């Protein structure tokens, strides 16, 4: 089990840009592994909760500027043990938000 913290980079939306948004979330990740010698292959699943924030640019006013973020993720993981108590772990995940958000 691992605790995760995510802060997405501020990103501009539109050609001018007319808005920018960022997301901050935290969550828990659970992984299961099967071992073969120094390698462990498995899968991880996680859940995130946080806040999605949008800000208008150039006089644009936004409705629903702060929205809740809830998402779930699942993906493969691998671990290589190079010493008795040390290992390098890598994983990737596909994240799916529980609800689609629209700023207006």
Protein backbone atom coordinates (compact mmCIF):
# COMPACT_ATOMS: atom_id res chain seq x y z
CA UNK A 1 0.00 0.00 0.00
CA UNK A 2 1.26 3.48 -0.89
CA UNK A 3 -0.05 6.98 -0.39
CA UNK A 4 0.07 9.19 -3.49
CA UNK A 5 -0.15 12.94 -4.04
CA UNK A 6 -0.84 14.36 -7.51
CA UNK A 7 -0.53 17.97 -8.62
CA UNK A 8 -1.17 18.48 -12.33
CA UNK A 9 0.72 21.24 -14.09
CA UNK A 10 -1.26 24.41 -14.76
CA UNK A 11 -2.50 24.19 -18.35
CA UNK A 12 -3.95 26.87 -20.64
CA UNK A 13 -7.21 26.22 -22.49
CA UNK A 14 -8.19 27.97 -25.72
CA UNK A 15 -6.13 29.79 -28.36
CA UNK A 16 -5.68 33.02 -26.36
CA UNK A 17 -5.74 31.21 -23.70
CA UNK A 18 -9.09 32.12 -22.17
CA UNK A 19 -8.75 29.85 -19.11
CA UNK A 20 -6.24 27.74 -17.23
CA UNK A 21 -6.79 24.85 -14.87
CA UNK A 22 -4.98 22.65 -12.37
CA UNK A 23 -5.81 19.57 -10.33
CA UNK A 24 -4.60 18.59 -6.87
CA UNK A 25 -5.48 15.17 -5.43
CA UNK A 26 -4.34 12.52 -2.98
CA UNK A 27 -5.13 8.85 -2.73
CA UNK A 28 -4.11 5.30 -1.94
CA UNK A 29 -2.58 2.69 -4.22
CA UNK A 30 -2.66 -1.07 -3.64
CA UNK A 31 -0.37 -3.44 -5.56
CA UNK A 32 -0.15 -7.21 -5.82
CA UNK A 33 3.00 -8.96 -7.09
CA UNK A 34 4.10 -12.45 -8.12
CA UNK A 35 7.85 -13.09 -7.72
CA UNK A 36 10.29 -14.85 -10.04
CA UNK A 37 13.87 -14.68 -8.68
CA UNK A 38 14.80 -10.99 -8.43
CA UNK A 39 11.78 -9.80 -10.42
CA UNK A 40 8.22 -9.19 -9.28
CA UNK A 41 5.44 -8.56 -11.81
CA UNK A 42 1.96 -7.47 -10.85
CA UNK A 43 -0.77 -4.87 -11.00
CA UNK A 44 -1.75 -1.78 -9.03
CA UNK A 45 -5.10 -0.12 -8.50
CA UNK A 46 -5.67 3.26 -6.89
CA UNK A 47 -8.30 5.81 -5.98
CA UNK A 48 -7.86 9.60 -5.91
CA UNK A 49 -9.89 12.41 -4.36
CA UNK A 50 -9.14 16.09 -4.73
CA UNK A 51 -10.09 19.37 -6.40
CA UNK A 52 -10.14 20.59 -9.99
CA UNK A 53 -9.73 24.38 -10.19
CA UNK A 54 -10.22 26.68 -13.22
CA UNK A 55 -9.39 30.35 -13.58
CA UNK A 56 -10.57 32.74 -16.34
CA UNK A 57 -7.97 34.81 -18.21
CA UNK A 58 -8.33 38.19 -19.94
CA UNK A 59 -11.61 39.18 -18.26
CA UNK A 60 -13.31 35.79 -18.69
CA UNK A 61 -15.51 34.85 -15.71
CA UNK A 62 -16.04 31.17 -14.98
CA UNK A 63 -18.95 29.42 -13.29
CA UNK A 64 -18.14 26.29 -11.22
CA UNK A 65 -14.50 27.28 -10.70
CA UNK A 66 -13.83 24.60 -8.05
CA UNK A 67 -15.11 21.09 -8.69
CA UNK A 68 -14.50 17.85 -6.77
CA UNK A 69 -12.18 15.28 -8.38
CA UNK A 70 -12.73 11.56 -7.85
CA UNK A 71 -10.91 9.06 -10.07
CA UNK A 72 -9.87 5.41 -10.17
CA UNK A 73 -6.80 3.89 -11.80
CA UNK A 74 -5.48 0.47 -12.76
CA UNK A 75 -2.26 -0.64 -14.41
CA UNK A 76 0.78 -2.94 -14.52
CA UNK A 77 3.79 -2.77 -12.20
CA UNK A 78 7.26 -4.35 -12.10
CA UNK A 79 9.90 -4.51 -9.40
CA UNK A 80 13.58 -5.50 -9.59
CA UNK A 81 15.32 -6.40 -6.31
CA UNK A 82 19.03 -5.57 -6.58
CA UNK A 83 19.93 -6.13 -2.89
CA UNK A 84 18.37 -7.86 0.09
CA UNK A 85 16.29 -4.88 1.22
CA UNK A 86 16.41 -2.63 -1.87
CA UNK A 87 14.37 -2.62 -5.08
CA UNK A 88 13.43 -0.39 -7.98
CA UNK A 89 9.71 -0.26 -8.79
CA UNK A 90 8.01 1.10 -11.90
CA UNK A 91 4.33 1.30 -12.76
CA UNK A 92 1.90 2.91 -15.18
CA UNK A 93 -1.81 3.52 -14.78
CA UNK A 94 -4.86 4.44 -16.79
CA UNK A 95 -6.94 6.96 -14.81
CA UNK A 96 -10.70 7.30 -15.25
CA UNK A 97 -12.57 10.15 -13.55
CA UNK A 98 -15.81 9.13 -11.81
CA UNK A 99 -17.59 12.10 -13.41
CA UNK A 100 -16.93 14.36 -16.42
CA UNK A 101 -16.49 18.05 -15.55
CA UNK A 102 -17.31 21.08 -17.67
CA UNK A 103 -16.43 24.69 -16.85
CA UNK A 104 -18.66 27.44 -18.22
